[in-house]
Amino acid sequence: MDGRPDPHGDRVRMITDGLHKLTGLQPLVERPHGLGATRISVRVTEQPDATQTVAVLRVLRLGDRFGHSESARWERIWAEVSDRAAPRPTPPRHD
């Protein structure tokens, strides 16, 4: 390591820790082949109240993408943190 901060790893840790605290479940952290991102997901086991829902959404928004998936057997919320930093928008020029 070069001693520089790792914003990718920091965001993965913040999302993982936040979801763990809010749901009481240890999130799954994985790197699906070809995705170019780390995916953090946790199974939904109970219906959250409005306050917990807002808190979970705030944590999920730390990712580059987030969402919800469900099947006949389970529901899962997830966030992805891209390996590459998102490009910063170029400010408009006022020449």
PDB file of N, CA and C in Angstrom:
ATOM      1  N   MET A   1       0.837  -1.188   0.000  1.00  0.00           N
ATOM      2  CA  MET A   1       0.000   0.000   0.000  1.00  0.00           C
ATOM      3  C   MET A   1       0.873   1.238   0.000  1.00  0.00           C
ATOM      4  N   ASP A   2       0.378   2.299  -0.582  1.00  0.00           N
ATOM      5  CA  ASP A   2       1.167   3.514  -0.695  1.00  0.00           C
ATOM      6  C   ASP A   2       0.844   4.534   0.386  1.00  0.00           C
ATOM      7  N   GLY A   3       0.003   4.173   1.357  1.00  0.00           N
ATOM      8  CA  GLY A   3      -0.310   5.085   2.446  1.00  0.00           C
ATOM      9  C   GLY A   3      -1.416   6.073   2.140  1.00  0.00           C
ATOM     10  N   ARG A   4      -1.894   6.085   0.890  1.00  0.00           N
ATOM     11  CA  ARG A   4      -2.976   6.996   0.531  1.00  0.00           C
ATOM     12  C   ARG A   4      -4.313   6.397   0.959  1.00  0.00           C
ATOM     13  N   PRO A   5      -5.296   7.240   1.223  1.00  0.00           N
ATOM     14  CA  PRO A   5      -6.599   6.716   1.603  1.00  0.00           C
ATOM     15  C   PRO A   5      -7.234   5.940   0.443  1.00  0.00           C
ATOM     16  N   ASP A   6      -8.058   4.975   0.773  1.00  0.00           N
ATOM     17  CA  ASP A   6      -8.749   4.155  -0.216  1.00  0.00           C
ATOM     18  C   ASP A   6     -10.240   4.478  -0.144  1.00  0.00           C
ATOM     19  N   PRO A   7     -10.711   5.455  -0.951  1.00  0.00           N
ATOM     20  CA  PRO A   7     -12.117   5.843  -0.860  1.00  0.00           C
ATOM     21  C   PRO A   7     -13.066   4.700  -1.201  1.00  0.00           C
ATOM     22  N   HIS A   8     -12.661   3.805  -2.106  1.00  0.00           N
ATOM     23  CA  HIS A   8     -13.485   2.647  -2.455  1.00  0.00           C
ATOM     24  C   HIS A   8     -13.695   1.779  -1.213  1.00  0.00           C
ATOM     25  N   GLY A   9     -12.598   1.400  -0.574  1.00  0.00           N
ATOM     26  CA  GLY A   9     -12.666   0.555   0.619  1.00  0.00           C
ATOM     27  C   GLY A   9     -13.381   1.227   1.773  1.00  0.00           C
ATOM     28  N   ASP A  10     -13.180   2.531   1.915  1.00  0.00           N
ATOM     29  CA  ASP A  10     -13.852   3.268   2.985  1.00  0.00           C
ATOM     30  C   ASP A  10     -15.363   3.240   2.798  1.00  0.00           C
ATOM     31  N   ARG A  11     -15.819   3.441   1.560  1.00  0.00           N
ATOM     32  CA  ARG A  11     -17.265   3.422   1.314  1.00  0.00           C
ATOM     33  C   ARG A  11     -17.832   2.020   1.517  1.00  0.00           C
ATOM     34  N   VAL A  12     -17.100   1.002   1.083  1.00  0.00           N
ATOM     35  CA  VAL A  12     -17.563  -0.372   1.293  1.00  0.00           C
ATOM     36  C   VAL A  12     -17.721  -0.635   2.789  1.00  0.00           C
ATOM     37  N   ARG A  13     -16.741  -0.226   3.581  1.00  0.00           N
ATOM     38  CA  ARG A  13     -16.810  -0.418   5.038  1.00  0.00           C
ATOM     39  C   ARG A  13     -17.963   0.373   5.659  1.00  0.00           C
ATOM     40  N   MET A  14     -18.161   1.612   5.231  1.00  0.00           N
ATOM     41  CA  MET A  14     -19.253   2.417   5.797  1.00  0.00           C
ATOM     42  C   MET A  14     -20.612   1.794   5.492  1.00  0.00           C
ATOM     43  N   ILE A  15     -20.787   1.322   4.268  1.00  0.00           N
ATOM     44  CA  ILE A  15     -22.064   0.700   3.901  1.00  0.00           C
ATOM     45  C   ILE A  15     -22.250  -0.606   4.670  1.00  0.00           C
ATOM     46  N   THR A  16     -21.206  -1.427   4.718  1.00  0.00           N
ATOM     47  CA  THR A  16     -21.284  -2.702   5.432  1.00  0.00           C
ATOM     48  C   THR A  16     -21.610  -2.480   6.904  1.00  0.00           C
ATOM     49  N   ASP A  17     -20.877  -1.579   7.544  1.00  0.00           N
ATOM     50  CA  ASP A  17     -21.106  -1.297   8.971  1.00  0.00           C
ATOM     51  C   ASP A  17     -22.501  -0.725   9.206  1.00  0.00           C
ATOM     52  N   GLY A  18     -22.924   0.208   8.343  1.00  0.00           N
ATOM     53  CA  GLY A  18     -24.239   0.831   8.509  1.00  0.00           C
ATOM     54  C   GLY A  18     -25.368  -0.170   8.373  1.00  0.00           C
ATOM     55  N   LEU A  19     -25.299  -1.022   7.344  1.00  0.00           N
ATOM     56  CA  LEU A  19     -26.349  -2.026   7.159  1.00  0.00           C
ATOM     57  C   LEU A  19     -26.352  -3.035   8.302  1.00  0.00           C
ATOM     58  N   HIS A  20     -25.178  -3.390   8.791  1.00  0.00           N
ATOM     59  CA  HIS A  20     -25.092  -4.320   9.917  1.00  0.00           C
ATOM     60  C   HIS A  20     -25.760  -3.728  11.155  1.00  0.00           C
ATOM     61  N   LYS A  21     -25.457  -2.484  11.452  1.00  0.00           N
ATOM     62  CA  LYS A  21     -26.048  -1.834  12.634  1.00  0.00           C
ATOM     63  C   LYS A  21     -27.559  -1.678  12.497  1.00  0.00           C
ATOM     64  N   LEU A  22     -28.017  -1.340  11.306  1.00  0.00           N
ATOM     65  CA  LEU A  22     -29.447  -1.085  11.112  1.00  0.00           C
ATOM     66  C   LEU A  22     -30.290  -2.346  10.999  1.00  0.00           C
ATOM     67  N   THR A  23     -29.711  -3.422  10.473  1.00  0.00           N
ATOM     68  CA  THR A  23     -30.499  -4.643  10.283  1.00  0.00           C
ATOM     69  C   THR A  23     -30.190  -5.722  11.313  1.00  0.00           C
ATOM     70  N   GLY A  24     -29.038  -5.619  11.959  1.00  0.00           N
ATOM     71  CA  GLY A  24     -28.630  -6.661  12.890  1.00  0.00           C
ATOM     72  C   GLY A  24     -28.072  -7.898  12.197  1.00  0.00           C
ATOM     73  N   LEU A  25     -27.936  -7.836  10.871  1.00  0.00           N
ATOM     74  CA  LEU A  25     -27.425  -8.959  10.094  1.00  0.00           C
ATOM     75  C   LEU A  25     -26.116  -8.561   9.425  1.00  0.00           C
ATOM     76  N   GLN A  26     -25.197  -9.518   9.320  1.00  0.00           N
ATOM     77  CA  GLN A  26     -23.926  -9.249   8.659  1.00  0.00           C
ATOM     78  C   GLN A  26     -24.138  -9.252   7.146  1.00  0.00           C
ATOM     79  N   PRO A  27     -23.903  -8.129   6.474  1.00  0.00           N
ATOM     80  CA  PRO A  27     -24.067  -8.091   5.016  1.00  0.00           C
ATOM     81  C   PRO A  27     -23.053  -8.983   4.307  1.00  0.00           C
ATOM     82  N   LEU A  28     -23.444  -9.427   3.130  1.00  0.00           N
ATOM     83  CA  LEU A  28     -22.567 -10.179   2.252  1.00  0.00           C
ATOM     84  C   LEU A  28     -21.813  -9.175   1.384  1.00  0.00           C
ATOM     85  N   VAL A  29     -20.496  -9.276   1.349  1.00  0.00           N
ATOM     86  CA  VAL A  29     -19.660  -8.409   0.519  1.00  0.00           C
ATOM     87  C   VAL A  29     -19.024  -9.304  -0.528  1.00  0.00           C
ATOM     88  N   GLU A  30     -19.293  -9.001  -1.801  1.00  0.00           N
ATOM     89  CA  GLU A  30     -18.775  -9.848  -2.867  1.00  0.00           C
ATOM     90  C   GLU A  30     -18.361  -9.019  -4.071  1.00  0.00           C
ATOM     91  N   ARG A  31     -17.559  -9.650  -4.924  1.00  0.00           N
ATOM     92  CA  ARG A  31     -17.097  -9.012  -6.155  1.00  0.00           C
ATOM     93  C   ARG A  31     -17.520  -9.909  -7.316  1.00  0.00           C
ATOM     94  N   PRO A  32     -18.756  -9.744  -7.798  1.00  0.00           N
ATOM     95  CA  PRO A  32     -19.211 -10.570  -8.926  1.00  0.00           C
ATOM     96  C   PRO A  32     -18.302 -10.379 -10.137  1.00  0.00           C
ATOM     97  N   HIS A  33     -17.979 -11.475 -10.791  1.00  0.00           N
ATOM     98  CA  HIS A  33     -17.084 -11.463 -11.951  1.00  0.00           C
ATOM     99  C   HIS A  33     -17.649 -10.554 -13.045  1.00  0.00           C
ATOM    100  N   GLY A  34     -16.806  -9.651 -13.527  1.00  0.00           N
ATOM    101  CA  GLY A  34     -17.178  -8.784 -14.632  1.00  0.00           C
ATOM    102  C   GLY A  34     -17.996  -7.566 -14.248  1.00  0.00           C
ATOM    103  N   LEU A  35     -18.351  -7.417 -12.991  1.00  0.00           N
ATOM    104  CA  LEU A  35     -19.172  -6.270 -12.576  1.00  0.00           C
ATOM    105  C   LEU A  35     -18.338  -4.998 -12.460  1.00  0.00           C
ATOM    106  N   GLY A  36     -17.074  -5.119 -12.056  1.00  0.00           N
ATOM    107  CA  GLY A  36     -16.233  -3.935 -11.875  1.00  0.00           C
ATOM    108  C   GLY A  36     -16.617  -3.137 -10.652  1.00  0.00           C
ATOM    109  N   ALA A  37     -17.199  -3.828  -9.678  1.00  0.00           N
ATOM    110  CA  ALA A  37     -17.657  -3.156  -8.461  1.00  0.00           C
ATOM    111  C   ALA A  37     -17.737  -4.174  -7.334  1.00  0.00           C
ATOM    112  N   THR A  38     -17.799  -3.656  -6.129  1.00  0.00           N
ATOM    113  CA  THR A  38     -18.047  -4.483  -4.954  1.00  0.00           C
ATOM    114  C   THR A  38     -19.522  -4.343  -4.608  1.00  0.00           C
ATOM    115  N   ARG A  39     -20.183  -5.450  -4.394  1.00  0.00           N
ATOM    116  CA  ARG A  39     -21.610  -5.433  -4.040  1.00  0.00           C
ATOM    117  C   ARG A  39     -21.756  -5.822  -2.573  1.00  0.00           C
ATOM    118  N   ILE A  40     -22.511  -5.011  -1.840  1.00  0.00           N
ATOM    119  CA  ILE A  40     -22.825  -5.260  -0.444  1.00  0.00           C
ATOM    120  C   ILE A  40     -24.321  -5.526  -0.390  1.00  0.00           C
ATOM    121  N   SER A  41     -24.718  -6.659   0.163  1.00  0.00           N
ATOM    122  CA  SER A  41     -26.147  -6.969   0.211  1.00  0.00           C
ATOM    123  C   SER A  41     -26.517  -7.590   1.548  1.00  0.00           C
ATOM    124  N   VAL A  42     -27.762  -7.429   1.892  1.00  0.00           N
ATOM    125  CA  VAL A  42     -28.264  -8.014   3.135  1.00  0.00           C
ATOM    126  C   VAL A  42     -29.702  -8.461   2.898  1.00  0.00           C
ATOM    127  N   ARG A  43     -30.042  -9.568   3.470  1.00  0.00           N
ATOM    128  CA  ARG A  43     -31.382 -10.118   3.355  1.00  0.00           C
ATOM    129  C   ARG A  43     -32.340  -9.341   4.248  1.00  0.00           C
ATOM    130  N   VAL A  44     -33.520  -9.075   3.741  1.00  0.00           N
ATOM    131  CA  VAL A  44     -34.550  -8.373   4.512  1.00  0.00           C
ATOM    132  C   VAL A  44     -35.353  -9.441   5.244  1.00  0.00           C
ATOM    133  N   THR A  45     -35.373  -9.355   6.568  1.00  0.00           N
ATOM    134  CA  THR A  45     -36.059 -10.380   7.356  1.00  0.00           C
ATOM    135  C   THR A  45     -37.310  -9.873   8.055  1.00  0.00           C
ATOM    136  N   GLU A  46     -37.452  -8.565   8.152  1.00  0.00           N
ATOM    137  CA  GLU A  46     -38.646  -8.008   8.790  1.00  0.00           C
ATOM    138  C   GLU A  46     -38.968  -6.659   8.172  1.00  0.00           C
ATOM    139  N   GLN A  47     -40.200  -6.230   8.344  1.00  0.00           N
ATOM    140  CA  GLN A  47     -40.641  -4.951   7.793  1.00  0.00           C
ATOM    141  C   GLN A  47     -40.132  -3.808   8.674  1.00  0.00           C
ATOM    142  N   PRO A  48     -39.274  -2.927   8.138  1.00  0.00           N
ATOM    143  CA  PRO A  48     -38.743  -1.827   8.959  1.00  0.00           C
ATOM    144  C   PRO A  48     -39.788  -0.730   9.135  1.00  0.00           C
ATOM    145  N   ASP A  49     -39.615   0.059  10.200  1.00  0.00           N
ATOM    146  CA  ASP A  49     -40.490   1.222  10.371  1.00  0.00           C
ATOM    147  C   ASP A  49     -39.952   2.364   9.504  1.00  0.00           C
ATOM    148  N   ALA A  50     -40.672   3.460   9.451  1.00  0.00           N
ATOM    149  CA  ALA A  50     -40.312   4.578   8.569  1.00  0.00           C
ATOM    150  C   ALA A  50     -38.937   5.154   8.906  1.00  0.00           C
ATOM    151  N   THR A  51     -38.620   5.277  10.183  1.00  0.00           N
ATOM    152  CA  THR A  51     -37.328   5.834  10.588  1.00  0.00           C
ATOM    153  C   THR A  51     -36.186   4.936  10.139  1.00  0.00           C
ATOM    154  N   GLN A  52     -36.331   3.628  10.326  1.00  0.00           N
ATOM    155  CA  GLN A  52     -35.287   2.701   9.913  1.00  0.00           C
ATOM    156  C   GLN A  52     -35.159   2.683   8.388  1.00  0.00           C
ATOM    157  N   THR A  53     -36.267   2.784   7.680  1.00  0.00           N
ATOM    158  CA  THR A  53     -36.232   2.805   6.219  1.00  0.00           C
ATOM    159  C   THR A  53     -35.427   3.993   5.711  1.00  0.00           C
ATOM    160  N   VAL A  54     -35.660   5.161   6.272  1.00  0.00           N
ATOM    161  CA  VAL A  54     -34.919   6.361   5.873  1.00  0.00           C
ATOM    162  C   VAL A  54     -33.428   6.180   6.172  1.00  0.00           C
ATOM    163  N   ALA A  55     -33.105   5.625   7.321  1.00  0.00           N
ATOM    164  CA  ALA A  55     -31.702   5.416   7.685  1.00  0.00           C
ATOM    165  C   ALA A  55     -31.036   4.427   6.724  1.00  0.00           C
ATOM    166  N   VAL A  56     -31.730   3.354   6.360  1.00  0.00           N
ATOM    167  CA  VAL A  56     -31.178   2.372   5.425  1.00  0.00           C
ATOM    168  C   VAL A  56     -30.953   3.025   4.062  1.00  0.00           C
ATOM    169  N   LEU A  57     -31.905   3.824   3.600  1.00  0.00           N
ATOM    170  CA  LEU A  57     -31.739   4.496   2.312  1.00  0.00           C
ATOM    171  C   LEU A  57     -30.542   5.443   2.316  1.00  0.00           C
ATOM    172  N   ARG A  58     -30.317   6.124   3.425  1.00  0.00           N
ATOM    173  CA  ARG A  58     -29.140   7.007   3.522  1.00  0.00           C
ATOM    174  C   ARG A  58     -27.848   6.205   3.392  1.00  0.00           C
ATOM    175  N   VAL A  59     -27.805   5.040   4.001  1.00  0.00           N
ATOM    176  CA  VAL A  59     -26.614   4.193   3.902  1.00  0.00           C
ATOM    177  C   VAL A  59     -26.450   3.687   2.470  1.00  0.00           C
ATOM    178  N   LEU A  60     -27.540   3.219   1.866  1.00  0.00           N
ATOM    179  CA  LEU A  60     -27.461   2.695   0.500  1.00  0.00           C
ATOM    180  C   LEU A  60     -26.995   3.757  -0.485  1.00  0.00           C
ATOM    181  N   ARG A  61     -27.373   5.007  -0.251  1.00  0.00           N
ATOM    182  CA  ARG A  61     -26.981   6.092  -1.164  1.00  0.00           C
ATOM    183  C   ARG A  61     -25.490   6.377  -1.147  1.00  0.00           C
ATOM    184  N   LEU A  62     -24.757   5.810  -0.209  1.00  0.00           N
ATOM    185  CA  LEU A  62     -23.299   5.953  -0.202  1.00  0.00           C
ATOM    186  C   LEU A  62     -22.671   5.181  -1.357  1.00  0.00           C
ATOM    187  N   GLY A  63     -23.416   4.239  -1.920  1.00  0.00           N
ATOM    188  CA  GLY A  63     -22.933   3.459  -3.058  1.00  0.00           C
ATOM    189  C   GLY A  63     -23.146   4.214  -4.361  1.00  0.00           C
ATOM    190  N   ASP A  64     -22.562   3.682  -5.424  1.00  0.00           N
ATOM    191  CA  ASP A  64     -22.752   4.268  -6.746  1.00  0.00           C
ATOM    192  C   ASP A  64     -24.103   3.859  -7.327  1.00  0.00           C
ATOM    193  N   ARG A  65     -24.552   2.675  -6.963  1.00  0.00           N
ATOM    194  CA  ARG A  65     -25.863   2.167  -7.369  1.00  0.00           C
ATOM    195  C   ARG A  65     -26.430   1.405  -6.176  1.00  0.00           C
ATOM    196  N   PHE A  66     -27.749   1.369  -6.075  1.00  0.00           N
ATOM    197  CA  PHE A  66     -28.354   0.557  -5.028  1.00  0.00           C
ATOM    198  C   PHE A  66     -29.729   0.109  -5.483  1.00  0.00           C
ATOM    199  N   GLY A  67     -30.229  -0.900  -4.800  1.00  0.00           N
ATOM    200  CA  GLY A  67     -31.528  -1.401  -5.195  1.00  0.00           C
ATOM    201  C   GLY A  67     -32.048  -2.478  -4.268  1.00  0.00           C
ATOM    202  N   HIS A  68     -33.063  -3.148  -4.761  1.00  0.00           N
ATOM    203  CA  HIS A  68     -33.787  -4.155  -4.002  1.00  0.00           C
ATOM    204  C   HIS A  68     -34.125  -5.282  -4.965  1.00  0.00           C
ATOM    205  N   SER A  69     -33.991  -6.497  -4.531  1.00  0.00           N
ATOM    206  CA  SER A  69     -34.396  -7.628  -5.354  1.00  0.00           C
ATOM    207  C   SER A  69     -35.198  -8.590  -4.490  1.00  0.00           C
ATOM    208  N   GLU A  70     -36.098  -9.303  -5.140  1.00  0.00           N
ATOM    209  CA  GLU A  70     -36.888 -10.262  -4.387  1.00  0.00           C
ATOM    210  C   GLU A  70     -37.224 -11.460  -5.261  1.00  0.00           C
ATOM    211  N   SER A  71     -37.457 -12.546  -4.582  1.00  0.00           N
ATOM    212  CA  SER A  71     -37.895 -13.763  -5.246  1.00  0.00           C
ATOM    213  C   SER A  71     -39.020 -14.337  -4.392  1.00  0.00           C
ATOM    214  N   ALA A  72     -39.478 -15.507  -4.729  1.00  0.00           N
ATOM    215  CA  ALA A  72     -40.542 -16.134  -3.945  1.00  0.00           C
ATOM    216  C   ALA A  72     -40.048 -16.500  -2.544  1.00  0.00           C
ATOM    217  N   ARG A  73     -38.728 -16.635  -2.378  1.00  0.00           N
ATOM    218  CA  ARG A  73     -38.184 -17.083  -1.090  1.00  0.00           C
ATOM    219  C   ARG A  73     -37.587 -15.987  -0.220  1.00  0.00           C
ATOM    220  N   TRP A  74     -37.108 -14.873  -0.810  1.00  0.00           N
ATOM    221  CA  TRP A  74     -36.412 -13.878  -0.006  1.00  0.00           C
ATOM    222  C   TRP A  74     -36.417 -12.510  -0.671  1.00  0.00           C
ATOM    223  N   GLU A  75     -36.090 -11.516   0.118  1.00  0.00           N
ATOM    224  CA  GLU A  75     -35.869 -10.152  -0.370  1.00  0.00           C
ATOM    225  C   GLU A  75     -34.473  -9.738   0.059  1.00  0.00           C
ATOM    226  N   ARG A  76     -33.856  -8.882  -0.735  1.00  0.00           N
ATOM    227  CA  ARG A  76     -32.493  -8.433  -0.445  1.00  0.00           C
ATOM    228  C   ARG A  76     -32.340  -6.982  -0.895  1.00  0.00           C
ATOM    229  N   ILE A  77     -31.643  -6.187  -0.087  1.00  0.00           N
ATOM    230  CA  ILE A  77     -31.266  -4.835  -0.491  1.00  0.00           C
ATOM    231  C   ILE A  77     -29.773  -4.863  -0.784  1.00  0.00           C
ATOM    232  N   TRP A  78     -29.335  -4.020  -1.719  1.00  0.00           N
ATOM    233  CA  TRP A  78     -27.935  -4.049  -2.105  1.00  0.00           C
ATOM    234  C   TRP A  78     -27.454  -2.654  -2.504  1.00  0.00           C
ATOM    235  N   ALA A  79     -26.141  -2.500  -2.421  1.00  0.00           N
ATOM    236  CA  ALA A  79     -25.461  -1.299  -2.914  1.00  0.00           C
ATOM    237  C   ALA A  79     -24.183  -1.757  -3.596  1.00  0.00           C
ATOM    238  N   GLU A  80     -23.786  -1.040  -4.629  1.00  0.00           N
ATOM    239  CA  GLU A  80     -22.548  -1.339  -5.329  1.00  0.00           C
ATOM    240  C   GLU A  80     -21.628  -0.126  -5.290  1.00  0.00           C
ATOM    241  N   VAL A  81     -20.359  -0.403  -5.079  1.00  0.00           N
ATOM    242  CA  VAL A  81     -19.330   0.630  -5.102  1.00  0.00           C
ATOM    243  C   VAL A  81     -18.393   0.282  -6.257  1.00  0.00           C
ATOM    244  N   SER A  82     -18.370   1.148  -7.254  1.00  0.00           N
ATOM    245  CA  SER A  82     -17.569   0.923  -8.454  1.00  0.00           C
ATOM    246  C   SER A  82     -16.084   0.968  -8.136  1.00  0.00           C
ATOM    247  N   ASP A  83     -15.319   0.177  -8.891  1.00  0.00           N
ATOM    248  CA  ASP A  83     -13.866   0.189  -8.743  1.00  0.00           C
ATOM    249  C   ASP A  83     -13.266   1.526  -9.167  1.00  0.00           C
ATOM    250  N   ARG A  84     -13.922   2.181 -10.088  1.00  0.00           N
ATOM    251  CA  ARG A  84     -13.427   3.470 -10.599  1.00  0.00           C
ATOM    252  C   ARG A  84     -14.236   4.600  -9.984  1.00  0.00           C
ATOM    253  N   ALA A  85     -13.551   5.671  -9.692  1.00  0.00           N
ATOM    254  CA  ALA A  85     -14.244   6.852  -9.180  1.00  0.00           C
ATOM    255  C   ALA A  85     -15.152   7.400 -10.268  1.00  0.00           C
ATOM    256  N   ALA A  86     -16.330   7.808  -9.881  1.00  0.00           N
ATOM    257  CA  ALA A  86     -17.260   8.403 -10.840  1.00  0.00           C
ATOM    258  C   ALA A  86     -16.659   9.698 -11.366  1.00  0.00           C
ATOM    259  N   PRO A  87     -16.774   9.942 -12.660  1.00  0.00           N
ATOM    260  CA  PRO A  87     -16.216  11.189 -13.190  1.00  0.00           C
ATOM    261  C   PRO A  87     -16.938  12.392 -12.606  1.00  0.00           C
ATOM    262  N   ARG A  88     -16.155  13.385 -12.286  1.00  0.00           N
ATOM    263  CA  ARG A  88     -16.749  14.617 -11.752  1.00  0.00           C
ATOM    264  C   ARG A  88     -17.289  15.452 -12.907  1.00  0.00           C
ATOM    265  N   PRO A  89     -18.465  16.016 -12.731  1.00  0.00           N
ATOM    266  CA  PRO A  89     -18.997  16.858 -13.815  1.00  0.00           C
ATOM    267  C   PRO A  89     -18.095  18.061 -14.043  1.00  0.00           C
ATOM    268  N   THR A  90     -17.948  18.433 -15.285  1.00  0.00           N
ATOM    269  CA  THR A  90     -17.141  19.591 -15.622  1.00  0.00           C
ATOM    270  C   THR A  90     -17.973  20.840 -15.393  1.00  0.00           C
ATOM    271  N   PRO A  91     -17.466  21.768 -14.586  1.00  0.00           N
ATOM    272  CA  PRO A  91     -18.234  22.991 -14.337  1.00  0.00           C
ATOM    273  C   PRO A  91     -18.376  23.802 -15.620  1.00  0.00           C
ATOM    274  N   PRO A  92     -19.492  24.488 -15.779  1.00  0.00           N
ATOM    275  CA  PRO A  92     -19.675  25.287 -16.990  1.00  0.00           C
ATOM    276  C   PRO A  92     -18.640  26.419 -17.054  1.00  0.00           C
ATOM    277  N   ARG A  93     -18.195  26.692 -18.260  1.00  0.00           N
ATOM    278  CA  ARG A  93     -17.239  27.788 -18.467  1.00  0.00           C
ATOM    279  C   ARG A  93     -17.990  29.071 -18.732  1.00  0.00           C
ATOM    280  N   HIS A  94     -17.498  30.124 -18.191  1.00  0.00           N
ATOM    281  CA  HIS A  94     -18.091  31.463 -18.380  1.00  0.00           C
ATOM    282  C   HIS A  94     -17.041  32.345 -19.035  1.00  0.00           C
ATOM    283  N   ASP A  95     -16.847  32.151 -20.334  1.00  0.00           N
ATOM    284  CA  ASP A  95     -15.827  32.945 -21.051  1.00  0.00           C
ATOM    285  C   ASP A  95     -16.383  34.280 -21.482  1.00  0.00           C
TER     286      ASP A  95
END
